[in-house]
PDB file of N, CA and C in Angstrom:
ATOM      1  N   MET A   1      -2.115 -14.754  25.032  1.00  0.00           N
ATOM      2  CA  MET A   1      -2.332 -13.627  25.173  1.00  0.00           C
ATOM      3  C   MET A   1      -3.756 -12.598  25.000  1.00  0.00           C
ATOM      4  N   ASN A   2      -3.130 -11.431  24.770  1.00  0.00           N
ATOM      5  CA  ASN A   2      -4.806 -10.858  24.841  1.00  0.00           C
ATOM      6  C   ASN A   2      -3.813  -9.606  23.437  1.00  0.00           C
ATOM      7  N   ILE A   3      -5.166  -8.502  22.611  1.00  0.00           N
ATOM      8  CA  ILE A   3      -4.978  -7.957  21.657  1.00  0.00           C
ATOM      9  C   ILE A   3      -4.214  -6.716  22.565  1.00  0.00           C
ATOM     10  N   PRO A   4      -4.165  -6.013  23.792  1.00  0.00           N
ATOM     11  CA  PRO A   4      -3.147  -4.687  23.596  1.00  0.00           C
ATOM     12  C   PRO A   4      -2.244  -5.686  24.254  1.00  0.00           C
ATOM     13  N   THR A   5      -1.991  -6.412  24.752  1.00  0.00           N
ATOM     14  CA  THR A   5       0.102  -6.716  24.540  1.00  0.00           C
ATOM     15  C   THR A   5       0.113  -7.729  23.417  1.00  0.00           C
ATOM     16  N   ILE A   6      -0.159  -7.407  22.211  1.00  0.00           N
ATOM     17  CA  ILE A   6      -0.004  -7.439  21.310  1.00  0.00           C
ATOM     18  C   ILE A   6       0.114  -6.588  20.153  1.00  0.00           C
ATOM     19  N   LEU A   7      -1.380  -5.614  20.025  1.00  0.00           N
ATOM     20  CA  LEU A   7      -1.207  -4.349  19.235  1.00  0.00           C
ATOM     21  C   LEU A   7      -0.864  -3.279  19.659  1.00  0.00           C
ATOM     22  N   THR A   8       0.899  -3.670  20.255  1.00  0.00           N
ATOM     23  CA  THR A   8       1.377  -1.811  20.574  1.00  0.00           C
ATOM     24  C   THR A   8       2.334  -1.060  19.575  1.00  0.00           C
ATOM     25  N   LEU A   9       3.162  -0.285  19.371  1.00  0.00           N
ATOM     26  CA  LEU A   9       2.968   1.034  18.082  1.00  0.00           C
ATOM     27  C   LEU A   9       4.163   0.254  18.094  1.00  0.00           C
ATOM     28  N   PRO A  10       5.513  -0.136  18.328  1.00  0.00           N
ATOM     29  CA  PRO A  10       7.016  -1.167  17.643  1.00  0.00           C
ATOM     30  C   PRO A  10       5.826  -2.075  16.757  1.00  0.00           C
ATOM     31  N   ASN A  11       4.817  -3.253  16.554  1.00  0.00           N
ATOM     32  CA  ASN A  11       3.943  -3.988  16.211  1.00  0.00           C
ATOM     33  C   ASN A  11       3.171  -3.543  15.739  1.00  0.00           C
ATOM     34  N   ALA A  12       2.702  -2.119  15.653  1.00  0.00           N
ATOM     35  CA  ALA A  12       2.098  -1.612  14.520  1.00  0.00           C
ATOM     36  C   ALA A  12       3.107  -1.507  13.150  1.00  0.00           C
ATOM     37  N   LEU A  13       4.293  -0.393  13.818  1.00  0.00           N
ATOM     38  CA  LEU A  13       4.770  -0.070  12.779  1.00  0.00           C
ATOM     39  C   LEU A  13       5.536  -1.168  11.440  1.00  0.00           C
ATOM     40  N   GLY A  14       5.998  -1.634  12.735  1.00  0.00           N
ATOM     41  CA  GLY A  14       6.678  -3.101  11.664  1.00  0.00           C
ATOM     42  C   GLY A  14       5.483  -3.642  11.000  1.00  0.00           C
ATOM     43  N   LEU A  15       4.495  -4.008  11.244  1.00  0.00           N
ATOM     44  CA  LEU A  15       3.586  -4.875  10.421  1.00  0.00           C
ATOM     45  C   LEU A  15       3.248  -3.469   9.090  1.00  0.00           C
ATOM     46  N   PHE A  16       3.300  -2.078   9.410  1.00  0.00           N
ATOM     47  CA  PHE A  16       2.754  -1.383   8.265  1.00  0.00           C
ATOM     48  C   PHE A  16       4.324  -1.373   7.105  1.00  0.00           C
ATOM     49  N   ALA A  17       5.361  -1.603   7.664  1.00  0.00           N
ATOM     50  CA  ALA A  17       6.838  -1.415   7.590  1.00  0.00           C
ATOM     51  C   ALA A  17       6.669  -2.651   6.198  1.00  0.00           C
ATOM     52  N   LEU A  18       6.538  -4.572   6.917  1.00  0.00           N
ATOM     53  CA  LEU A  18       6.245  -5.256   5.774  1.00  0.00           C
ATOM     54  C   LEU A  18       5.324  -5.308   5.187  1.00  0.00           C
ATOM     55  N   VAL A  19       3.785  -4.051   5.206  1.00  0.00           N
ATOM     56  CA  VAL A  19       2.848  -4.990   3.982  1.00  0.00           C
ATOM     57  C   VAL A  19       3.697  -3.525   2.848  1.00  0.00           C
ATOM     58  N   ASN A  20       4.070  -2.453   3.252  1.00  0.00           N
ATOM     59  CA  ASN A  20       4.716  -1.400   2.474  1.00  0.00           C
ATOM     60  C   ASN A  20       5.543  -1.976   1.801  1.00  0.00           C
ATOM     61  N   LEU A  21       7.216  -2.619   2.075  1.00  0.00           N
ATOM     62  CA  LEU A  21       7.450  -3.220   1.443  1.00  0.00           C
ATOM     63  C   LEU A  21       6.884  -4.828   0.602  1.00  0.00           C
ATOM     64  N   TRP A  22       6.274  -5.300   1.233  1.00  0.00           N
ATOM     65  CA  TRP A  22       5.439  -6.179  -0.062  1.00  0.00           C
ATOM     66  C   TRP A  22       4.716  -5.580  -0.982  1.00  0.00           C
ATOM     67  N   THR A  23       4.186  -4.278  -0.184  1.00  0.00           N
ATOM     68  CA  THR A  23       3.742  -4.410  -1.807  1.00  0.00           C
ATOM     69  C   THR A  23       4.130  -3.498  -2.242  1.00  0.00           C
ATOM     70  N   PHE A  24       5.638  -3.437  -2.501  1.00  0.00           N
ATOM     71  CA  PHE A  24       6.477  -2.445  -3.579  1.00  0.00           C
ATOM     72  C   PHE A  24       7.254  -3.298  -4.266  1.00  0.00           C
ATOM     73  N   MET A  25       7.912  -5.010  -3.915  1.00  0.00           N
ATOM     74  CA  MET A  25       8.789  -5.734  -4.462  1.00  0.00           C
ATOM     75  C   MET A  25       6.973  -6.876  -5.360  1.00  0.00           C
ATOM     76  N   LEU A  26       5.793  -6.634  -5.220  1.00  0.00           N
ATOM     77  CA  LEU A  26       4.692  -6.494  -6.375  1.00  0.00           C
ATOM     78  C   LEU A  26       4.740  -5.863  -6.917  1.00  0.00           C
ATOM     79  N   PHE A  27       4.867  -4.380  -7.079  1.00  0.00           N
ATOM     80  CA  PHE A  27       5.072  -3.659  -8.634  1.00  0.00           C
ATOM     81  C   PHE A  27       6.194  -4.233  -9.456  1.00  0.00           C
ATOM     82  N   GLY A  28       7.379  -4.756  -8.946  1.00  0.00           N
ATOM     83  CA  GLY A  28       8.276  -4.868  -9.330  1.00  0.00           C
ATOM     84  C   GLY A  28       8.923  -6.563  -9.284  1.00  0.00           C
ATOM     85  N   PHE A  29       7.963  -7.029  -8.695  1.00  0.00           N
ATOM     86  CA  PHE A  29       7.158  -8.606  -9.877  1.00  0.00           C
ATOM     87  C   PHE A  29       6.943  -8.539 -11.215  1.00  0.00           C
ATOM     88  N   ASP A  30       5.725  -7.742 -10.551  1.00  0.00           N
ATOM     89  CA  ASP A  30       4.973  -7.618 -11.703  1.00  0.00           C
ATOM     90  C   ASP A  30       5.729  -6.617 -13.047  1.00  0.00           C
ATOM     91  N   LYS A  31       6.489  -5.902 -13.039  1.00  0.00           N
ATOM     92  CA  LYS A  31       6.736  -5.350 -14.318  1.00  0.00           C
ATOM     93  C   LYS A  31       7.809  -6.559 -14.624  1.00  0.00           C
ATOM     94  N   ILE A  32       8.942  -7.325 -13.859  1.00  0.00           N
ATOM     95  CA  ILE A  32       9.325  -8.315 -14.186  1.00  0.00           C
ATOM     96  C   ILE A  32       8.483  -9.549 -15.359  1.00  0.00           C
ATOM     97  N   ARG A  33       6.925  -9.645 -14.833  1.00  0.00           N
ATOM     98  CA  ARG A  33       6.747 -10.543 -15.549  1.00  0.00           C
ATOM     99  C   ARG A  33       5.884  -9.654 -16.401  1.00  0.00           C
ATOM    100  N   ALA A  34       5.958  -8.373 -16.570  1.00  0.00           N
ATOM    101  CA  ALA A  34       4.862  -8.140 -17.615  1.00  0.00           C
ATOM    102  C   ALA A  34       6.118  -7.636 -18.436  1.00  0.00           C
ATOM    103  N   GLU A  35       7.347  -7.621 -18.733  1.00  0.00           N
ATOM    104  CA  GLU A  35       8.021  -7.433 -19.296  1.00  0.00           C
ATOM    105  C   GLU A  35       8.739  -8.858 -20.518  1.00  0.00           C
ATOM    106  N   ALA A  36       8.593 -10.250 -19.498  1.00  0.00           N
ATOM    107  CA  ALA A  36       8.830 -11.010 -19.997  1.00  0.00           C
ATOM    108  C   ALA A  36       7.853 -11.743 -20.751  1.00  0.00           C
ATOM    109  N   GLY A  37       6.218 -11.090 -20.425  1.00  0.00           N
ATOM    110  CA  GLY A  37       5.653 -11.838 -21.841  1.00  0.00           C
ATOM    111  C   GLY A  37       4.366 -13.223 -20.671  1.00  0.00           C
ATOM    112  N   SER A  38       4.916 -12.597 -18.539  1.00  0.00           N
ATOM    113  CA  SER A  38       4.124 -13.542 -18.138  1.00  0.00           C
ATOM    114  C   SER A  38       3.275 -13.084 -17.469  1.00  0.00           C
ATOM    115  N   TRP A  39       2.432 -14.657 -16.419  1.00  0.00           N
ATOM    116  CA  TRP A  39       1.857 -14.384 -15.334  1.00  0.00           C
ATOM    117  C   TRP A  39       1.786 -13.325 -14.847  1.00  0.00           C
ATOM    118  N   ARG A  40       0.507 -12.365 -14.344  1.00  0.00           N
ATOM    119  CA  ARG A  40       0.921 -10.947 -13.888  1.00  0.00           C
ATOM    120  C   ARG A  40      -0.016 -11.082 -12.359  1.00  0.00           C
ATOM    121  N   VAL A  41       0.150 -10.125 -11.790  1.00  0.00           N
ATOM    122  CA  VAL A  41       0.023 -10.142 -10.853  1.00  0.00           C
ATOM    123  C   VAL A  41      -1.351  -9.080 -10.543  1.00  0.00           C
ATOM    124  N   SER A  42      -2.335  -9.016 -10.989  1.00  0.00           N
ATOM    125  CA  SER A  42      -3.553  -8.300 -10.891  1.00  0.00           C
ATOM    126  C   SER A  42      -3.420  -7.166 -10.170  1.00  0.00           C
ATOM    127  N   GLU A  43      -4.342  -6.399 -10.879  1.00  0.00           N
ATOM    128  CA  GLU A  43      -4.530  -5.059 -10.412  1.00  0.00           C
ATOM    129  C   GLU A  43      -5.625  -5.218  -8.955  1.00  0.00           C
ATOM    130  N   GLY A  44      -6.279  -5.508  -9.298  1.00  0.00           N
ATOM    131  CA  GLY A  44      -6.981  -6.480  -7.745  1.00  0.00           C
ATOM    132  C   GLY A  44      -5.673  -6.339  -6.939  1.00  0.00           C
ATOM    133  N   ALA A  45      -4.949  -7.151  -6.900  1.00  0.00           N
ATOM    134  CA  ALA A  45      -4.235  -7.632  -5.818  1.00  0.00           C
ATOM    135  C   ALA A  45      -3.506  -6.383  -5.819  1.00  0.00           C
ATOM    136  N   LEU A  46      -2.586  -5.703  -6.461  1.00  0.00           N
ATOM    137  CA  LEU A  46      -2.160  -4.267  -5.681  1.00  0.00           C
ATOM    138  C   LEU A  46      -2.585  -3.408  -5.854  1.00  0.00           C
ATOM    139  N   LEU A  47      -4.186  -2.980  -5.251  1.00  0.00           N
ATOM    140  CA  LEU A  47      -4.457  -2.226  -5.364  1.00  0.00           C
ATOM    141  C   LEU A  47      -4.963  -2.519  -3.984  1.00  0.00           C
ATOM    142  N   ALA A  48      -5.017  -3.454  -3.166  1.00  0.00           N
ATOM    143  CA  ALA A  48      -5.928  -4.263  -2.477  1.00  0.00           C
ATOM    144  C   ALA A  48      -4.728  -4.264  -1.516  1.00  0.00           C
ATOM    145  N   TRP A  49      -3.116  -4.693  -1.806  1.00  0.00           N
ATOM    146  CA  TRP A  49      -2.390  -4.632  -0.729  1.00  0.00           C
ATOM    147  C   TRP A  49      -2.182  -3.177  -0.462  1.00  0.00           C
ATOM    148  N   ALA A  50      -2.047  -1.572  -1.530  1.00  0.00           N
ATOM    149  CA  ALA A  50      -2.229  -0.643  -0.955  1.00  0.00           C
ATOM    150  C   ALA A  50      -3.302   0.068  -0.316  1.00  0.00           C
ATOM    151  N   PHE A  51      -4.588  -0.894  -0.068  1.00  0.00           N
ATOM    152  CA  PHE A  51      -5.178  -0.039   0.436  1.00  0.00           C
ATOM    153  C   PHE A  51      -5.433  -1.058   2.189  1.00  0.00           C
ATOM    154  N   LEU A  52      -5.075  -1.957   2.195  1.00  0.00           N
ATOM    155  CA  LEU A  52      -4.201  -2.161   2.614  1.00  0.00           C
ATOM    156  C   LEU A  52      -3.100  -2.426   3.996  1.00  0.00           C
ATOM    157  N   GLY A  53      -2.734  -0.759   3.685  1.00  0.00           N
ATOM    158  CA  GLY A  53      -1.496  -0.134   4.322  1.00  0.00           C
ATOM    159  C   GLY A  53      -0.219   0.197   3.518  1.00  0.00           C
ATOM    160  N   GLY A  54      -0.574  -0.043   1.676  1.00  0.00           N
ATOM    161  CA  GLY A  54       0.998  -0.091   0.838  1.00  0.00           C
ATOM    162  C   GLY A  54       0.912   0.485   0.136  1.00  0.00           C
ATOM    163  N   THR A  55       0.583   2.029   0.560  1.00  0.00           N
ATOM    164  CA  THR A  55       0.425   2.809  -0.262  1.00  0.00           C
ATOM    165  C   THR A  55       1.401   3.744  -0.367  1.00  0.00           C
ATOM    166  N   ILE A  56       2.201   3.911  -0.094  1.00  0.00           N
ATOM    167  CA  ILE A  56       3.712   4.104   0.431  1.00  0.00           C
ATOM    168  C   ILE A  56       4.902   3.004  -0.747  1.00  0.00           C
ATOM    169  N   GLY A  57       4.365   1.735   0.027  1.00  0.00           N
ATOM    170  CA  GLY A  57       4.856   1.102  -1.067  1.00  0.00           C
ATOM    171  C   GLY A  57       4.213   0.794  -2.448  1.00  0.00           C
ATOM    172  N   ALA A  58       3.022   1.216  -3.125  1.00  0.00           N
ATOM    173  CA  ALA A  58       3.118   0.799  -4.066  1.00  0.00           C
ATOM    174  C   ALA A  58       3.438   1.987  -4.780  1.00  0.00           C
ATOM    175  N   TYR A  59       2.879   3.701  -4.469  1.00  0.00           N
ATOM    176  CA  TYR A  59       3.622   5.200  -4.338  1.00  0.00           C
ATOM    177  C   TYR A  59       5.607   4.286  -4.662  1.00  0.00           C
ATOM    178  N   ALA A  60       6.108   4.379  -4.359  1.00  0.00           N
ATOM    179  CA  ALA A  60       7.540   4.229  -4.349  1.00  0.00           C
ATOM    180  C   ALA A  60       7.608   3.091  -5.903  1.00  0.00           C
ATOM    181  N   GLY A  61       7.217   1.841  -5.589  1.00  0.00           N
ATOM    182  CA  GLY A  61       6.835   0.853  -6.471  1.00  0.00           C
ATOM    183  C   GLY A  61       6.437   1.663  -8.084  1.00  0.00           C
ATOM    184  N   ARG A  62       5.821   2.529  -8.199  1.00  0.00           N
ATOM    185  CA  ARG A  62       5.907   3.088  -9.051  1.00  0.00           C
ATOM    186  C   ARG A  62       6.596   3.661  -9.927  1.00  0.00           C
ATOM    187  N   ALA A  63       7.299   4.633  -8.801  1.00  0.00           N
ATOM    188  CA  ALA A  63       8.197   5.264  -9.139  1.00  0.00           C
ATOM    189  C   ALA A  63       9.338   4.426  -9.602  1.00  0.00           C
ATOM    190  N   LEU A  64      10.256   3.740  -8.678  1.00  0.00           N
ATOM    191  CA  LEU A  64      11.486   2.563  -9.525  1.00  0.00           C
ATOM    192  C   LEU A  64      11.169   2.217 -10.146  1.00  0.00           C
ATOM    193  N   PHE A  65       9.670   1.492  -9.917  1.00  0.00           N
ATOM    194  CA  PHE A  65      10.013   0.173 -11.656  1.00  0.00           C
ATOM    195  C   PHE A  65       9.173   1.492 -13.059  1.00  0.00           C
ATOM    196  N   ARG A  66       8.781   2.343 -13.094  1.00  0.00           N
ATOM    197  CA  ARG A  66       7.870   2.993 -13.565  1.00  0.00           C
ATOM    198  C   ARG A  66       6.681   1.968 -14.132  1.00  0.00           C
ATOM    199  N   HIS A  67       6.070   1.744 -12.945  1.00  0.00           N
ATOM    200  CA  HIS A  67       5.424   0.437 -13.798  1.00  0.00           C
ATOM    201  C   HIS A  67       3.235   1.003 -13.414  1.00  0.00           C
ATOM    202  N   LYS A  68       2.754   0.765 -14.481  1.00  0.00           N
ATOM    203  CA  LYS A  68       1.224   1.370 -14.233  1.00  0.00           C
ATOM    204  C   LYS A  68       1.649   2.796 -13.445  1.00  0.00           C
ATOM    205  N   THR A  69       2.017   3.430 -14.435  1.00  0.00           N
ATOM    206  CA  THR A  69       2.316   5.052 -14.052  1.00  0.00           C
ATOM    207  C   THR A  69       1.355   5.868 -14.941  1.00  0.00           C
ATOM    208  N   ARG A  70       0.305   5.591 -15.835  1.00  0.00           N
ATOM    209  CA  ARG A  70       0.152   5.982 -16.543  1.00  0.00           C
ATOM    210  C   ARG A  70      -1.473   5.572 -17.248  1.00  0.00           C
ATOM    211  N   LYS A  71      -1.607   3.743 -16.581  1.00  0.00           N
ATOM    212  CA  LYS A  71      -2.621   2.845 -16.134  1.00  0.00           C
ATOM    213  C   LYS A  71      -3.982   3.712 -15.765  1.00  0.00           C
ATOM    214  N   GLN A  72      -5.188   3.918 -16.571  1.00  0.00           N
ATOM    215  CA  GLN A  72      -6.232   4.343 -15.892  1.00  0.00           C
ATOM    216  C   GLN A  72      -7.382   3.353 -16.307  1.00  0.00           C
ATOM    217  N   PRO A  73      -8.409   2.512 -15.390  1.00  0.00           N
ATOM    218  CA  PRO A  73      -7.778   3.819 -13.637  1.00  0.00           C
ATOM    219  C   PRO A  73      -7.393   3.130 -12.641  1.00  0.00           C
ATOM    220  N   PHE A  74      -6.859   2.395 -13.405  1.00  0.00           N
ATOM    221  CA  PHE A  74      -5.665   1.532 -11.988  1.00  0.00           C
ATOM    222  C   PHE A  74      -5.219   3.852 -10.930  1.00  0.00           C
ATOM    223  N   SER A  75      -4.986   4.300 -11.671  1.00  0.00           N
ATOM    224  CA  SER A  75      -4.177   5.523 -11.498  1.00  0.00           C
ATOM    225  C   SER A  75      -5.057   6.412 -10.367  1.00  0.00           C
ATOM    226  N   SER A  76      -5.770   6.516 -10.847  1.00  0.00           N
ATOM    227  CA  SER A  76      -7.474   7.108  -9.959  1.00  0.00           C
ATOM    228  C   SER A  76      -7.535   6.010  -9.188  1.00  0.00           C
ATOM    229  N   HIS A  77      -7.826   5.084  -8.531  1.00  0.00           N
ATOM    230  CA  HIS A  77      -8.376   3.907  -7.703  1.00  0.00           C
ATOM    231  C   HIS A  77      -7.315   3.894  -7.218  1.00  0.00           C
ATOM    232  N   LEU A  78      -5.445   4.049  -6.913  1.00  0.00           N
ATOM    233  CA  LEU A  78      -4.770   4.447  -6.347  1.00  0.00           C
ATOM    234  C   LEU A  78      -5.033   5.279  -5.336  1.00  0.00           C
ATOM    235  N   HIS A  79      -5.094   6.988  -6.338  1.00  0.00           N
ATOM    236  CA  HIS A  79      -5.230   8.259  -5.824  1.00  0.00           C
ATOM    237  C   HIS A  79      -6.255   8.106  -4.861  1.00  0.00           C
ATOM    238  N   GLN A  80      -7.749   7.832  -5.108  1.00  0.00           N
ATOM    239  CA  GLN A  80      -8.684   7.598  -4.344  1.00  0.00           C
ATOM    240  C   GLN A  80      -7.677   6.592  -2.671  1.00  0.00           C
ATOM    241  N   THR A  81      -7.354   5.992  -3.308  1.00  0.00           N
ATOM    242  CA  THR A  81      -7.341   5.308  -1.693  1.00  0.00           C
ATOM    243  C   THR A  81      -6.258   5.703  -0.801  1.00  0.00           C
ATOM    244  N   ALA A  82      -4.802   6.500  -1.247  1.00  0.00           N
ATOM    245  CA  ALA A  82      -4.553   7.729  -0.728  1.00  0.00           C
ATOM    246  C   ALA A  82      -5.558   8.112  -0.279  1.00  0.00           C
ATOM    247  N   ILE A  83      -5.644   9.145  -0.792  1.00  0.00           N
ATOM    248  CA  ILE A  83      -7.171  10.125  -0.163  1.00  0.00           C
ATOM    249  C   ILE A  83      -7.639   9.282   0.871  1.00  0.00           C
ATOM    250  N   LEU A  84      -8.084   7.969   0.798  1.00  0.00           N
ATOM    251  CA  LEU A  84      -8.896   8.152   1.208  1.00  0.00           C
ATOM    252  C   LEU A  84      -8.346   7.056   3.155  1.00  0.00           C
ATOM    253  N   GLN A  85      -6.991   7.010   2.849  1.00  0.00           N
ATOM    254  CA  GLN A  85      -6.396   7.085   4.283  1.00  0.00           C
ATOM    255  C   GLN A  85      -5.159   8.176   4.676  1.00  0.00           C
ATOM    256  N   GLY A  86      -5.752   9.121   3.846  1.00  0.00           N
ATOM    257  CA  GLY A  86      -4.766  10.028   4.464  1.00  0.00           C
ATOM    258  C   GLY A  86      -6.164  11.126   5.884  1.00  0.00           C
ATOM    259  N   PHE A  87      -7.282  10.698   4.498  1.00  0.00           N
ATOM    260  CA  PHE A  87      -8.108  11.123   5.499  1.00  0.00           C
ATOM    261  C   PHE A  87      -8.656  10.825   7.254  1.00  0.00           C
ATOM    262  N   ALA A  88      -8.333   9.339   6.957  1.00  0.00           N
ATOM    263  CA  ALA A  88      -8.497   7.527   7.884  1.00  0.00           C
ATOM    264  C   ALA A  88      -7.270   9.157   8.993  1.00  0.00           C
ATOM    265  N   VAL A  89      -6.409   8.380   8.317  1.00  0.00           N
ATOM    266  CA  VAL A  89      -5.337   9.187   9.573  1.00  0.00           C
ATOM    267  C   VAL A  89      -5.209  10.145  10.082  1.00  0.00           C
ATOM    268  N   ALA A  90      -6.125  11.364   9.588  1.00  0.00           N
ATOM    269  CA  ALA A  90      -6.554  12.914   9.898  1.00  0.00           C
ATOM    270  C   ALA A  90      -7.038  12.575  11.248  1.00  0.00           C
ATOM    271  N   LEU A  91      -8.745  11.501  10.661  1.00  0.00           N
ATOM    272  CA  LEU A  91      -9.647  10.645  12.394  1.00  0.00           C
ATOM    273  C   LEU A  91      -8.929  11.216  13.514  1.00  0.00           C
ATOM    274  N   VAL A  92      -7.924   9.845  12.921  1.00  0.00           N
ATOM    275  CA  VAL A  92      -7.385   9.394  14.106  1.00  0.00           C
ATOM    276  C   VAL A  92      -6.394   9.755  15.002  1.00  0.00           C
ATOM    277  N   GLY A  93      -5.303  10.215  13.889  1.00  0.00           N
ATOM    278  CA  GLY A  93      -4.791  11.775  14.617  1.00  0.00           C
ATOM    279  C   GLY A  93      -5.670  12.803  15.781  1.00  0.00           C
ATOM    280  N   GLY A  94      -6.745  13.243  15.035  1.00  0.00           N
ATOM    281  CA  GLY A  94      -8.036  13.914  15.730  1.00  0.00           C
ATOM    282  C   GLY A  94      -8.357  13.484  16.975  1.00  0.00           C
ATOM    283  N   TRP A  95      -8.628  12.545  17.242  1.00  0.00           N
ATOM    284  CA  TRP A  95      -8.970  11.473  18.298  1.00  0.00           C
ATOM    285  C   TRP A  95      -8.500  11.580  18.799  1.00  0.00           C
ATOM    286  N   MET A  96      -7.292  11.016  18.681  1.00  0.00           N
ATOM    287  CA  MET A  96      -6.114  11.078  19.570  1.00  0.00           C
ATOM    288  C   MET A  96      -5.784  12.087  20.478  1.00  0.00           C
ATOM    289  N   LEU A  97      -5.238  13.386  19.824  1.00  0.00           N
ATOM    290  CA  LEU A  97      -5.088  14.739  20.304  1.00  0.00           C
ATOM    291  C   LEU A  97      -6.417  15.342  21.026  1.00  0.00           C
ATOM    292  N   ALA A  98      -7.201  14.628  21.058  1.00  0.00           N
ATOM    293  CA  ALA A  98      -8.276  15.714  22.035  1.00  0.00           C
ATOM    294  C   ALA A  98      -8.849  14.382  22.891  1.00  0.00           C
ATOM    295  N   GLY A  99      -7.940  13.607  23.159  1.00  0.00           N
ATOM    296  CA  GLY A  99      -8.053  13.163  24.665  1.00  0.00           C
ATOM    297  C   GLY A  99      -8.432  11.530  24.106  1.00  0.00           C
TER     298      GLY A  99
END
């Protein structure tokens, strides 16, 4: 298999959906563990999954589970990640439109 055959739009969108679903589930799992007072998912792991493309899942998990909504500097790092990804999408979109 070569890279162009594997890296198709449907595959990329599927991977994006899986990363966001996984990130969303990690927020839910961490909330359950926090309420139980047991082992937790590290903030670094939650932010890493958001950085890897799971920002939508992270924001959805925060909203639905009401988890890590006021925690600083976690919230700032998540917002910075979202802004960075927004710039990246804009740059790639502009590059693709330019030719």
